[in-house]
């Protein structure tokens, strides 16, 4: 402990690299699709379109200390059963992580990295929709940390529920 903290007059050697480090190396568009299947008639529609937004996060390990975090954003605008426009964006970033405790890797990759990437993906979606002839679409911010905690709690409940079902046959009175 004294060696790690450098107390007692001992000095750490130059280049000792034992502090946790994480950061975005680069960001990029992997795939972008915009469809305006009913143009030019869509610009005459009087009905306000219904906007549906879906997103997904994918993580892959490229090297020992490098991961790719990919954020997929799918937006579909429909009115009267017809598609006004559809945007499908796969936006990714390379994340470098060194000396990060094992229990902190998933929270960083599934909550913090998407939080960093999302504003850039949001801007690309907005510009793409606008360049398609529609008003800019500003997506609401997403609480990736809250979603990560919620998903973790659900998986813990599911695991606990499975073990309870197997072990508890008495039920409630």
Protein backbone atom coordinates (compact mmCIF):
# COMPACT_ATOMS: atom_id res chain seq x y z
CA UNK A 1 0.00 0.00 0.00
CA UNK A 2 2.82 2.40 0.83
CA UNK A 3 4.42 1.79 -2.56
CA UNK A 4 1.18 2.50 -4.42
CA UNK A 5 0.46 5.69 -2.52
CA UNK A 6 4.03 6.91 -2.54
CA UNK A 7 4.10 7.60 1.21
CA UNK A 8 7.01 7.12 3.54
CA UNK A 9 9.44 8.97 1.29
CA UNK A 10 9.28 6.37 -1.49
CA UNK A 11 8.86 7.69 -4.98
CA UNK A 12 7.03 5.92 -7.76
CA UNK A 13 9.08 5.29 -10.84
CA UNK A 14 8.56 7.46 -13.86
CA UNK A 15 6.10 5.95 -16.27
CA UNK A 16 4.16 4.03 -13.62
CA UNK A 17 0.79 3.78 -15.30
CA UNK A 18 -1.66 2.29 -12.86
CA UNK A 19 -4.44 4.90 -12.77
CA UNK A 20 -7.74 4.11 -14.52
CA UNK A 21 -8.01 5.82 -17.90
CA UNK A 22 -10.85 5.84 -20.41
CA UNK A 23 -11.60 8.02 -23.38
CA UNK A 24 -12.94 8.27 -26.89
CA UNK A 25 -10.23 7.73 -29.52
CA UNK A 26 -12.41 8.56 -32.53
CA UNK A 27 -16.03 8.76 -33.66
CA UNK A 28 -17.52 7.98 -37.04
CA UNK A 29 -20.63 7.22 -39.06
CA UNK A 30 -20.70 3.51 -39.89
CA UNK A 31 -24.00 3.59 -41.75
CA UNK A 32 -26.53 6.28 -42.63
CA UNK A 33 -29.74 5.85 -44.58
CA UNK A 34 -32.47 8.39 -45.35
CA UNK A 35 -35.65 7.47 -47.17
CA UNK A 36 -38.32 9.83 -48.45
CA UNK A 37 -40.51 7.29 -50.30
CA UNK A 38 -43.51 9.54 -50.89
CA UNK A 39 -41.76 12.63 -52.23
CA UNK A 40 -42.89 15.02 -53.60
CA UNK A 41 -46.49 14.27 -52.48
CA UNK A 42 -45.41 14.15 -48.81
CA UNK A 43 -44.80 17.90 -48.85
CA UNK A 44 -48.50 18.49 -49.55
CA UNK A 45 -49.78 16.32 -46.67
CA UNK A 46 -51.86 18.20 -44.10
CA UNK A 47 -51.60 15.58 -41.35
CA UNK A 48 -48.94 15.98 -38.68
CA UNK A 49 -46.67 12.91 -38.87
CA UNK A 50 -46.21 10.58 -35.93
CA UNK A 51 -42.51 10.24 -35.04
CA UNK A 52 -41.20 6.93 -33.71
CA UNK A 53 -37.64 6.72 -32.38
CA UNK A 54 -35.78 3.54 -31.48
CA UNK A 55 -32.21 3.21 -30.37
CA UNK A 56 -29.86 0.39 -29.53
CA UNK A 57 -26.31 0.15 -28.18
CA UNK A 58 -23.80 -2.41 -29.39
CA UNK A 59 -20.36 -3.05 -27.92
CA UNK A 60 -17.48 -5.00 -29.39
CA UNK A 61 -13.92 -5.50 -28.23
CA UNK A 62 -11.34 -4.77 -30.94
CA UNK A 63 -8.15 -5.12 -28.90
CA UNK A 64 -7.22 -5.64 -25.25
CA UNK A 65 -7.76 -1.98 -24.37
CA UNK A 66 -9.97 -0.84 -27.27
CA UNK A 67 -13.74 -1.27 -27.64
CA UNK A 68 -16.17 -0.08 -30.25
CA UNK A 69 -19.44 1.37 -28.98
CA UNK A 70 -22.09 1.64 -31.71
CA UNK A 71 -25.25 3.66 -31.24
CA UNK A 72 -28.08 2.84 -33.66
CA UNK A 73 -30.79 5.47 -34.00
CA UNK A 74 -33.84 4.67 -36.10
CA UNK A 75 -36.46 7.35 -36.76
CA UNK A 76 -39.66 6.83 -38.73
CA UNK A 77 -42.26 9.51 -39.44
CA UNK A 78 -45.67 8.27 -40.60
CA UNK A 79 -48.95 9.94 -41.39
CA UNK A 80 -52.18 8.22 -42.39
CA UNK A 81 -50.39 4.89 -42.64
CA UNK A 82 -47.77 6.17 -45.07
CA UNK A 83 -44.10 6.87 -44.44
CA UNK A 84 -43.07 10.52 -44.60
CA UNK A 85 -39.41 9.75 -43.96
CA UNK A 86 -37.14 7.22 -42.30
CA UNK A 87 -33.62 7.68 -40.95
CA UNK A 88 -31.34 4.86 -39.86
CA UNK A 89 -28.01 5.91 -38.35
CA UNK A 90 -25.26 3.70 -36.96
CA UNK A 91 -22.82 6.01 -35.20
CA UNK A 92 -19.81 4.54 -33.42
CA UNK A 93 -16.83 5.49 -31.36
CA UNK A 94 -13.61 3.76 -30.41
CA UNK A 95 -13.10 3.71 -26.66
CA UNK A 96 -9.72 3.16 -25.06
CA UNK A 97 -9.70 1.81 -21.50
CA UNK A 98 -6.71 1.03 -19.35
CA UNK A 99 -6.52 -0.03 -15.71
CA UNK A 100 -10.28 0.21 -15.35
CA UNK A 101 -11.72 -2.14 -12.71
CA UNK A 102 -13.67 -5.01 -14.26
CA UNK A 103 -16.92 -3.96 -12.59
CA UNK A 104 -16.68 -0.48 -14.17
CA UNK A 105 -16.12 -1.53 -17.80
CA UNK A 106 -19.75 -2.34 -18.68
CA UNK A 107 -21.16 0.82 -17.03
CA UNK A 108 -18.70 2.94 -19.01
CA UNK A 109 -19.33 1.18 -22.32
CA UNK A 110 -23.13 1.04 -22.00
CA UNK A 111 -23.85 4.33 -20.21
CA UNK A 112 -21.04 6.87 -20.34
CA UNK A 113 -19.73 6.25 -23.88
CA UNK A 114 -23.25 6.46 -25.44
CA UNK A 115 -23.84 9.67 -23.45
CA UNK A 116 -20.72 11.14 -25.06
CA UNK A 117 -21.62 9.92 -28.57
CA UNK A 118 -25.33 10.79 -28.57
CA UNK A 119 -25.12 14.57 -29.15
CA UNK A 120 -23.13 13.97 -32.34
CA UNK A 121 -25.58 11.31 -33.56
CA UNK A 122 -28.46 13.63 -32.69
CA UNK A 123 -26.94 16.39 -34.82
CA UNK A 124 -26.47 14.04 -37.78
CA UNK A 125 -30.12 12.93 -37.60
CA UNK A 126 -31.30 16.54 -37.41
CA UNK A 127 -29.21 17.62 -40.40
CA UNK A 128 -30.18 14.59 -42.45
CA UNK A 129 -33.90 15.16 -41.88
CA UNK A 130 -33.50 18.84 -42.76
CA UNK A 131 -31.55 18.06 -45.93
CA UNK A 132 -34.40 15.70 -46.88
CA UNK A 133 -36.71 18.70 -47.05
CA UNK A 134 -38.30 18.48 -43.60
CA UNK A 135 -37.93 20.71 -40.54
CA UNK A 136 -34.94 19.72 -38.36
CA UNK A 137 -35.77 16.92 -35.94
CA UNK A 138 -34.24 17.49 -32.51
CA UNK A 139 -34.22 14.25 -30.55
CA UNK A 140 -34.75 14.51 -26.82
CA UNK A 141 -31.70 13.78 -24.63
CA UNK A 142 -31.50 10.20 -23.38
CA UNK A 143 -30.53 9.24 -19.83
CA UNK A 144 -28.21 6.36 -20.72
CA UNK A 145 -27.03 5.99 -17.12
CA UNK A 146 -30.61 5.65 -15.86
CA UNK A 147 -31.41 3.14 -18.60
CA UNK A 148 -28.30 1.13 -17.74
CA UNK A 149 -29.29 1.02 -14.05
CA UNK A 150 -32.86 0.06 -14.94
CA UNK A 151 -31.70 -2.71 -17.26
CA UNK A 152 -29.22 -4.00 -14.66
CA UNK A 153 -31.94 -4.08 -12.02
CA UNK A 154 -34.29 -5.96 -14.38
CA UNK A 155 -31.67 -8.58 -15.16
CA UNK A 156 -30.92 -9.01 -11.43
CA UNK A 157 -34.64 -9.42 -10.71
CA UNK A 158 -34.90 -11.93 -13.54
CA UNK A 159 -31.96 -13.92 -12.19
CA UNK A 160 -33.33 -13.77 -8.63
CA UNK A 161 -36.79 -14.75 -9.90
CA UNK A 162 -35.38 -17.77 -11.68
CA UNK A 163 -33.53 -18.95 -8.57
CA UNK A 164 -36.60 -18.33 -6.37
CA UNK A 165 -38.83 -20.28 -8.72
CA UNK A 166 -36.46 -23.21 -8.60
CA UNK A 167 -35.97 -23.11 -4.83
CA UNK A 168 -39.28 -21.90 -3.42
CA UNK A 169 -42.15 -24.32 -3.95
CA UNK A 170 -44.24 -23.24 -0.96
CA UNK A 171 -45.70 -20.02 -2.40
CA UNK A 172 -47.39 -17.32 -0.33
CA UNK A 173 -50.11 -18.08 2.20
